[in-house]
Amino acid sequence: FDWKTTEESSLRQFTKQLIHLRKSHSLFSDDHFYQAKQIEWFDSMNQPVDWNAEQPYIGALIEQKFYVGFYRGTSNIEIQIPSGKWFQIIATHLETPQDLVLNTDQAKRIERSIKLPSYSSFLLKRVP
C-alpha cells in the first residue's frame, strides 16, 4: 500500500488516529492476553454469548472501560449495551471525521443501545 498517495485521505486520518488511540491506552498496547476476569462477551441483547450458537454479532466489555462490537449481518440491527456512561469512539459505518473521535467531549453519547448497519463495528469508552 502506498501511503504517500493518501496524504489527506480519510483512510490515512483514520489510521493515524487509531495508532494514537492504541498508544494512549495500555488496554490496546499491552502484549498479553486478557484474563477471564478482564473481559466479558455479549450477544446483541446484552446477554452472555452462547458459544454454541451462530450469531452475526459479538461484543466484548474490556476491563469495564471499553466496549467493542462487531456485526457481520446483512441488515440493520439495534445492539443493547451494558449500563453506564458510554461515548462512541469508533463507528466504522460513519464518514470521516465522525468515524473516530478520540475526545469524549466531542464524541456521541450512547445511552442503552446502538443502531448498526450491515458489516460494521464500533468502540465505546465508559466515562465515570
N, C-alpha and C. Protein backbone atom coordinates (compact mmCIF):
# COMPACT_ATOMS: atom_id res chain seq x y z
N PHE A 1 0.85 -1.18 0.00
CA PHE A 1 0.00 0.00 0.00
C PHE A 1 0.88 1.23 0.00
N ASP A 2 0.60 2.17 -0.85
CA ASP A 2 1.38 3.39 -0.98
C ASP A 2 0.73 4.51 -0.15
N TRP A 3 1.24 4.72 1.08
CA TRP A 3 0.68 5.73 1.98
C TRP A 3 0.92 7.15 1.46
N LYS A 4 1.89 7.33 0.59
CA LYS A 4 2.18 8.67 0.06
C LYS A 4 1.02 9.21 -0.76
N THR A 5 0.27 8.33 -1.39
CA THR A 5 -0.85 8.78 -2.22
C THR A 5 -2.09 9.08 -1.39
N THR A 6 -2.03 8.81 -0.12
CA THR A 6 -3.19 9.03 0.74
C THR A 6 -2.95 10.16 1.74
N GLU A 7 -2.12 11.11 1.37
CA GLU A 7 -1.70 12.18 2.27
C GLU A 7 -2.86 12.81 3.05
N GLU A 8 -3.92 13.15 2.40
CA GLU A 8 -5.04 13.81 3.06
C GLU A 8 -6.30 12.93 3.08
N SER A 9 -6.15 11.67 2.80
CA SER A 9 -7.32 10.81 2.69
C SER A 9 -7.93 10.47 4.05
N SER A 10 -9.17 10.06 4.00
CA SER A 10 -9.85 9.66 5.23
C SER A 10 -9.22 8.40 5.81
N LEU A 11 -8.73 7.51 4.97
CA LEU A 11 -8.08 6.29 5.47
C LEU A 11 -6.81 6.64 6.24
N ARG A 12 -6.04 7.55 5.71
CA ARG A 12 -4.82 7.96 6.41
C ARG A 12 -5.15 8.61 7.75
N GLN A 13 -6.12 9.50 7.77
CA GLN A 13 -6.53 10.17 9.01
C GLN A 13 -7.04 9.16 10.03
N PHE A 14 -7.88 8.23 9.60
CA PHE A 14 -8.42 7.20 10.49
C PHE A 14 -7.29 6.36 11.08
N THR A 15 -6.35 5.97 10.23
CA THR A 15 -5.23 5.13 10.68
C THR A 15 -4.36 5.87 11.68
N LYS A 16 -4.07 7.15 11.43
CA LYS A 16 -3.28 7.94 12.36
C LYS A 16 -3.96 8.02 13.73
N GLN A 17 -5.26 8.26 13.72
CA GLN A 17 -5.99 8.36 14.98
C GLN A 17 -6.07 7.00 15.69
N LEU A 18 -6.20 5.94 14.94
CA LEU A 18 -6.25 4.59 15.51
C LEU A 18 -4.92 4.25 16.19
N ILE A 19 -3.82 4.62 15.56
CA ILE A 19 -2.50 4.40 16.16
C ILE A 19 -2.38 5.21 17.45
N HIS A 20 -2.84 6.46 17.42
CA HIS A 20 -2.80 7.29 18.63
C HIS A 20 -3.64 6.66 19.75
N LEU A 21 -4.83 6.17 19.42
CA LEU A 21 -5.69 5.52 20.40
C LEU A 21 -4.98 4.31 21.03
N ARG A 22 -4.39 3.49 20.19
CA ARG A 22 -3.68 2.30 20.67
C ARG A 22 -2.54 2.68 21.61
N LYS A 23 -1.78 3.68 21.26
CA LYS A 23 -0.64 4.09 22.08
C LYS A 23 -1.06 4.77 23.38
N SER A 24 -2.22 5.41 23.38
CA SER A 24 -2.64 6.17 24.56
C SER A 24 -3.39 5.35 25.61
N HIS A 25 -3.74 4.12 25.28
CA HIS A 25 -4.44 3.26 26.24
C HIS A 25 -3.73 1.93 26.36
N SER A 26 -3.25 1.64 27.55
CA SER A 26 -2.50 0.40 27.76
C SER A 26 -3.33 -0.85 27.45
N LEU A 27 -4.66 -0.73 27.54
CA LEU A 27 -5.52 -1.87 27.21
C LEU A 27 -5.30 -2.36 25.78
N PHE A 28 -4.91 -1.45 24.90
CA PHE A 28 -4.75 -1.79 23.49
C PHE A 28 -3.29 -1.97 23.09
N SER A 29 -2.37 -1.65 23.98
CA SER A 29 -0.96 -1.74 23.61
C SER A 29 -0.18 -2.78 24.39
N ASP A 30 -0.75 -3.33 25.45
CA ASP A 30 -0.06 -4.39 26.19
C ASP A 30 0.07 -5.63 25.31
N ASP A 31 1.12 -6.37 25.52
CA ASP A 31 1.34 -7.56 24.71
C ASP A 31 1.01 -8.84 25.48
N HIS A 32 -0.12 -8.85 26.15
CA HIS A 32 -0.57 -10.02 26.88
C HIS A 32 -2.02 -10.34 26.52
N PHE A 33 -2.42 -11.56 26.80
CA PHE A 33 -3.81 -11.94 26.58
C PHE A 33 -4.62 -11.53 27.80
N TYR A 34 -5.85 -11.16 27.57
CA TYR A 34 -6.73 -10.81 28.69
C TYR A 34 -7.08 -12.06 29.48
N GLN A 35 -7.20 -11.90 30.79
CA GLN A 35 -7.66 -12.95 31.66
C GLN A 35 -9.19 -12.93 31.66
N ALA A 36 -9.81 -14.04 32.05
CA ALA A 36 -11.28 -14.14 32.04
C ALA A 36 -11.94 -13.03 32.86
N LYS A 37 -11.33 -12.61 33.94
CA LYS A 37 -11.93 -11.56 34.78
C LYS A 37 -11.83 -10.17 34.15
N GLN A 38 -11.03 -10.00 33.09
CA GLN A 38 -10.83 -8.71 32.45
C GLN A 38 -11.76 -8.46 31.27
N ILE A 39 -12.41 -9.51 30.77
CA ILE A 39 -13.22 -9.37 29.56
C ILE A 39 -14.50 -10.18 29.68
N GLU A 40 -15.60 -9.59 29.25
CA GLU A 40 -16.89 -10.27 29.23
C GLU A 40 -17.43 -10.21 27.80
N TRP A 41 -18.06 -11.29 27.35
CA TRP A 41 -18.57 -11.39 25.98
C TRP A 41 -20.09 -11.34 25.99
N PHE A 42 -20.67 -10.59 25.02
CA PHE A 42 -22.11 -10.40 24.96
C PHE A 42 -22.66 -10.62 23.56
N ASP A 43 -23.95 -10.99 23.53
CA ASP A 43 -24.66 -11.04 22.25
C ASP A 43 -25.36 -9.70 22.03
N SER A 44 -26.15 -9.59 20.99
CA SER A 44 -26.79 -8.32 20.65
C SER A 44 -27.84 -7.87 21.66
N MET A 45 -28.30 -8.77 22.52
CA MET A 45 -29.28 -8.42 23.55
C MET A 45 -28.62 -8.16 24.90
N ASN A 46 -27.30 -8.03 24.91
CA ASN A 46 -26.51 -7.79 26.11
C ASN A 46 -26.59 -8.96 27.09
N GLN A 47 -26.69 -10.14 26.52
CA GLN A 47 -26.68 -11.38 27.31
C GLN A 47 -25.35 -12.09 27.07
N PRO A 48 -24.91 -12.92 28.01
CA PRO A 48 -23.67 -13.67 27.78
C PRO A 48 -23.75 -14.47 26.47
N VAL A 49 -22.65 -14.50 25.75
CA VAL A 49 -22.62 -15.18 24.45
C VAL A 49 -22.81 -16.68 24.62
N ASP A 50 -23.64 -17.24 23.77
CA ASP A 50 -23.78 -18.69 23.66
C ASP A 50 -22.79 -19.13 22.59
N TRP A 51 -21.67 -19.69 23.02
CA TRP A 51 -20.60 -20.04 22.09
C TRP A 51 -20.99 -21.19 21.16
N ASN A 52 -22.10 -21.86 21.43
CA ASN A 52 -22.54 -22.97 20.58
C ASN A 52 -23.52 -22.53 19.51
N ALA A 53 -23.95 -21.28 19.56
CA ALA A 53 -24.92 -20.77 18.59
C ALA A 53 -24.22 -19.82 17.61
N GLU A 54 -24.59 -19.92 16.35
CA GLU A 54 -24.04 -18.99 15.36
C GLU A 54 -24.76 -17.66 15.50
N GLN A 55 -23.99 -16.59 15.61
CA GLN A 55 -24.56 -15.26 15.81
C GLN A 55 -23.86 -14.26 14.90
N PRO A 56 -24.59 -13.30 14.36
CA PRO A 56 -23.95 -12.31 13.50
C PRO A 56 -23.27 -11.18 14.27
N TYR A 57 -23.44 -11.14 15.59
CA TYR A 57 -22.89 -10.07 16.41
C TYR A 57 -22.18 -10.65 17.63
N ILE A 58 -21.08 -9.99 18.01
CA ILE A 58 -20.41 -10.30 19.26
C ILE A 58 -19.84 -9.00 19.83
N GLY A 59 -19.98 -8.85 21.13
CA GLY A 59 -19.47 -7.66 21.81
C GLY A 59 -18.60 -8.07 22.98
N ALA A 60 -17.64 -7.23 23.32
CA ALA A 60 -16.74 -7.52 24.43
C ALA A 60 -16.60 -6.29 25.31
N LEU A 61 -16.80 -6.49 26.60
CA LEU A 61 -16.58 -5.45 27.61
C LEU A 61 -15.19 -5.71 28.18
N ILE A 62 -14.28 -4.77 27.98
CA ILE A 62 -12.88 -4.95 28.37
C ILE A 62 -12.58 -4.12 29.61
N GLU A 63 -12.27 -4.81 30.69
CA GLU A 63 -11.94 -4.20 31.99
C GLU A 63 -12.92 -3.12 32.41
N GLN A 64 -14.18 -3.26 32.06
CA GLN A 64 -15.24 -2.32 32.43
C GLN A 64 -15.00 -0.92 31.87
N LYS A 65 -14.03 -0.75 30.96
CA LYS A 65 -13.68 0.57 30.45
C LYS A 65 -14.07 0.78 28.99
N PHE A 66 -13.99 -0.26 28.20
CA PHE A 66 -14.29 -0.16 26.78
C PHE A 66 -15.24 -1.28 26.38
N TYR A 67 -16.08 -0.98 25.40
CA TYR A 67 -16.99 -1.99 24.84
C TYR A 67 -16.80 -1.96 23.33
N VAL A 68 -16.45 -3.09 22.77
CA VAL A 68 -16.24 -3.20 21.33
C VAL A 68 -17.25 -4.18 20.75
N GLY A 69 -17.82 -3.83 19.61
CA GLY A 69 -18.81 -4.69 18.98
C GLY A 69 -18.51 -4.90 17.50
N PHE A 70 -18.79 -6.12 17.03
CA PHE A 70 -18.58 -6.49 15.64
C PHE A 70 -19.86 -7.13 15.10
N TYR A 71 -20.34 -6.59 13.98
CA TYR A 71 -21.58 -7.09 13.39
C TYR A 71 -21.32 -7.48 11.94
N ARG A 72 -21.64 -8.72 11.60
CA ARG A 72 -21.43 -9.22 10.25
C ARG A 72 -22.74 -9.53 9.53
N GLY A 73 -23.83 -9.09 10.08
CA GLY A 73 -25.14 -9.33 9.49
C GLY A 73 -25.37 -8.50 8.24
N THR A 74 -26.42 -8.85 7.52
CA THR A 74 -26.71 -8.19 6.24
C THR A 74 -27.85 -7.17 6.32
N SER A 75 -28.42 -6.99 7.49
CA SER A 75 -29.48 -5.99 7.66
C SER A 75 -29.18 -5.16 8.91
N ASN A 76 -29.89 -4.07 9.08
CA ASN A 76 -29.68 -3.21 10.24
C ASN A 76 -30.07 -3.95 11.52
N ILE A 77 -29.41 -3.55 12.62
CA ILE A 77 -29.67 -4.19 13.92
C ILE A 77 -29.50 -3.15 15.02
N GLU A 78 -30.22 -3.35 16.12
CA GLU A 78 -30.04 -2.50 17.30
C GLU A 78 -29.39 -3.35 18.38
N ILE A 79 -28.25 -2.90 18.87
CA ILE A 79 -27.45 -3.62 19.86
C ILE A 79 -27.69 -3.02 21.24
N GLN A 80 -28.03 -3.85 22.21
CA GLN A 80 -28.16 -3.42 23.59
C GLN A 80 -26.77 -3.43 24.23
N ILE A 81 -26.44 -2.38 24.96
CA ILE A 81 -25.11 -2.29 25.57
C ILE A 81 -25.21 -2.31 27.09
N PRO A 82 -24.11 -2.66 27.77
CA PRO A 82 -24.12 -2.64 29.23
C PRO A 82 -24.42 -1.24 29.77
N SER A 83 -24.96 -1.17 30.95
CA SER A 83 -25.29 0.14 31.53
C SER A 83 -24.01 0.92 31.82
N GLY A 84 -24.15 2.22 31.82
CA GLY A 84 -23.01 3.08 32.08
C GLY A 84 -23.06 4.32 31.21
N LYS A 85 -22.11 5.19 31.41
CA LYS A 85 -21.99 6.43 30.63
C LYS A 85 -20.98 6.16 29.51
N TRP A 86 -21.51 5.89 28.32
CA TRP A 86 -20.69 5.48 27.18
C TRP A 86 -20.59 6.58 26.13
N PHE A 87 -19.41 6.68 25.52
CA PHE A 87 -19.19 7.58 24.40
C PHE A 87 -18.64 6.79 23.22
N GLN A 88 -19.15 7.09 22.04
CA GLN A 88 -18.75 6.38 20.82
C GLN A 88 -17.42 6.94 20.32
N ILE A 89 -16.40 6.10 20.36
CA ILE A 89 -15.06 6.48 19.93
C ILE A 89 -14.85 6.10 18.45
N ILE A 90 -15.24 4.88 18.10
CA ILE A 90 -15.11 4.41 16.72
C ILE A 90 -16.47 3.91 16.25
N ALA A 91 -16.81 4.24 15.02
CA ALA A 91 -18.01 3.72 14.36
C ALA A 91 -17.68 3.58 12.88
N THR A 92 -17.41 2.37 12.45
CA THR A 92 -16.91 2.16 11.09
C THR A 92 -17.94 2.48 10.01
N HIS A 93 -19.20 2.59 10.38
CA HIS A 93 -20.23 2.90 9.40
C HIS A 93 -20.41 4.40 9.15
N LEU A 94 -19.72 5.23 9.90
CA LEU A 94 -19.82 6.68 9.74
C LEU A 94 -18.70 7.23 8.85
N GLU A 95 -18.95 8.39 8.29
CA GLU A 95 -17.96 9.05 7.45
C GLU A 95 -16.97 9.81 8.32
N THR A 96 -15.79 10.06 7.79
CA THR A 96 -14.79 10.89 8.45
C THR A 96 -15.34 12.31 8.56
N PRO A 97 -15.21 12.99 9.65
CA PRO A 97 -14.42 12.68 10.83
C PRO A 97 -15.22 12.03 11.97
N GLN A 98 -16.49 11.69 11.75
CA GLN A 98 -17.29 11.08 12.82
C GLN A 98 -16.95 9.62 13.07
N ASP A 99 -16.18 8.98 12.20
CA ASP A 99 -15.89 7.56 12.35
C ASP A 99 -14.94 7.26 13.51
N LEU A 100 -14.10 8.24 13.89
CA LEU A 100 -13.18 8.06 15.01
C LEU A 100 -13.02 9.40 15.73
N VAL A 101 -13.53 9.46 16.95
CA VAL A 101 -13.49 10.69 17.75
C VAL A 101 -12.82 10.35 19.08
N LEU A 102 -11.61 10.83 19.27
CA LEU A 102 -10.84 10.47 20.47
C LEU A 102 -11.24 11.27 21.70
N ASN A 103 -11.70 12.47 21.52
CA ASN A 103 -12.06 13.35 22.63
C ASN A 103 -13.51 13.08 23.04
N THR A 104 -13.73 12.59 24.26
CA THR A 104 -15.09 12.28 24.70
C THR A 104 -15.97 13.53 24.78
N ASP A 105 -15.37 14.72 24.87
CA ASP A 105 -16.16 15.96 24.86
C ASP A 105 -16.85 16.18 23.51
N GLN A 106 -16.29 15.59 22.47
CA GLN A 106 -16.84 15.73 21.13
C GLN A 106 -17.55 14.46 20.65
N ALA A 107 -17.41 13.39 21.40
CA ALA A 107 -17.98 12.10 21.00
C ALA A 107 -19.48 12.02 21.28
N LYS A 108 -20.14 11.20 20.54
CA LYS A 108 -21.58 10.99 20.71
C LYS A 108 -21.83 10.13 21.95
N ARG A 109 -22.76 10.54 22.77
CA ARG A 109 -23.14 9.78 23.97
C ARG A 109 -24.08 8.66 23.53
N ILE A 110 -23.83 7.45 24.00
CA ILE A 110 -24.67 6.29 23.70
C ILE A 110 -25.37 5.89 24.98
N GLU A 111 -26.69 5.80 24.95
CA GLU A 111 -27.45 5.52 26.17
C GLU A 111 -27.59 4.03 26.45
N ARG A 112 -28.53 3.36 25.80
CA ARG A 112 -28.81 1.94 26.10
C ARG A 112 -28.57 1.02 24.92
N SER A 113 -28.52 1.61 23.73
CA SER A 113 -28.36 0.79 22.54
C SER A 113 -27.69 1.59 21.43
N ILE A 114 -27.23 0.87 20.43
CA ILE A 114 -26.62 1.49 19.27
C ILE A 114 -27.15 0.78 18.03
N LYS A 115 -27.55 1.57 17.03
CA LYS A 115 -28.06 1.00 15.78
C LYS A 115 -26.92 0.87 14.78
N LEU A 116 -26.83 -0.30 14.18
CA LEU A 116 -25.76 -0.57 13.22
C LEU A 116 -26.30 -1.04 11.89
N PRO A 117 -25.68 -0.59 10.80
CA PRO A 117 -25.98 -1.18 9.50
C PRO A 117 -25.15 -2.46 9.33
N SER A 118 -25.33 -3.12 8.22
CA SER A 118 -24.60 -4.36 7.98
C SER A 118 -23.09 -4.13 7.96
N TYR A 119 -22.39 -5.18 8.36
CA TYR A 119 -20.92 -5.22 8.31
C TYR A 119 -20.26 -3.99 8.93
N SER A 120 -20.49 -3.78 10.20
CA SER A 120 -19.89 -2.63 10.87
C SER A 120 -19.41 -3.00 12.27
N SER A 121 -18.61 -2.13 12.82
CA SER A 121 -18.09 -2.34 14.17
C SER A 121 -18.00 -0.99 14.87
N PHE A 122 -17.82 -1.05 16.19
CA PHE A 122 -17.75 0.18 16.98
C PHE A 122 -16.94 -0.05 18.24
N LEU A 123 -16.51 1.05 18.82
CA LEU A 123 -15.81 1.03 20.10
C LEU A 123 -16.39 2.13 20.96
N LEU A 124 -16.80 1.77 22.17
CA LEU A 124 -17.33 2.74 23.13
C LEU A 124 -16.36 2.84 24.31
N LYS A 125 -16.30 4.03 24.88
CA LYS A 125 -15.48 4.26 26.07
C LYS A 125 -16.41 4.64 27.21
N ARG A 126 -16.23 3.99 28.36
CA ARG A 126 -17.01 4.31 29.55
C ARG A 126 -16.31 5.43 30.31
N VAL A 127 -17.10 6.42 30.71
CA VAL A 127 -16.60 7.54 31.48
C VAL A 127 -17.33 7.55 32.81
N PRO A 128 -16.58 7.67 33.92
CA PRO A 128 -17.23 7.66 35.24
C PRO A 128 -18.20 8.82 35.43
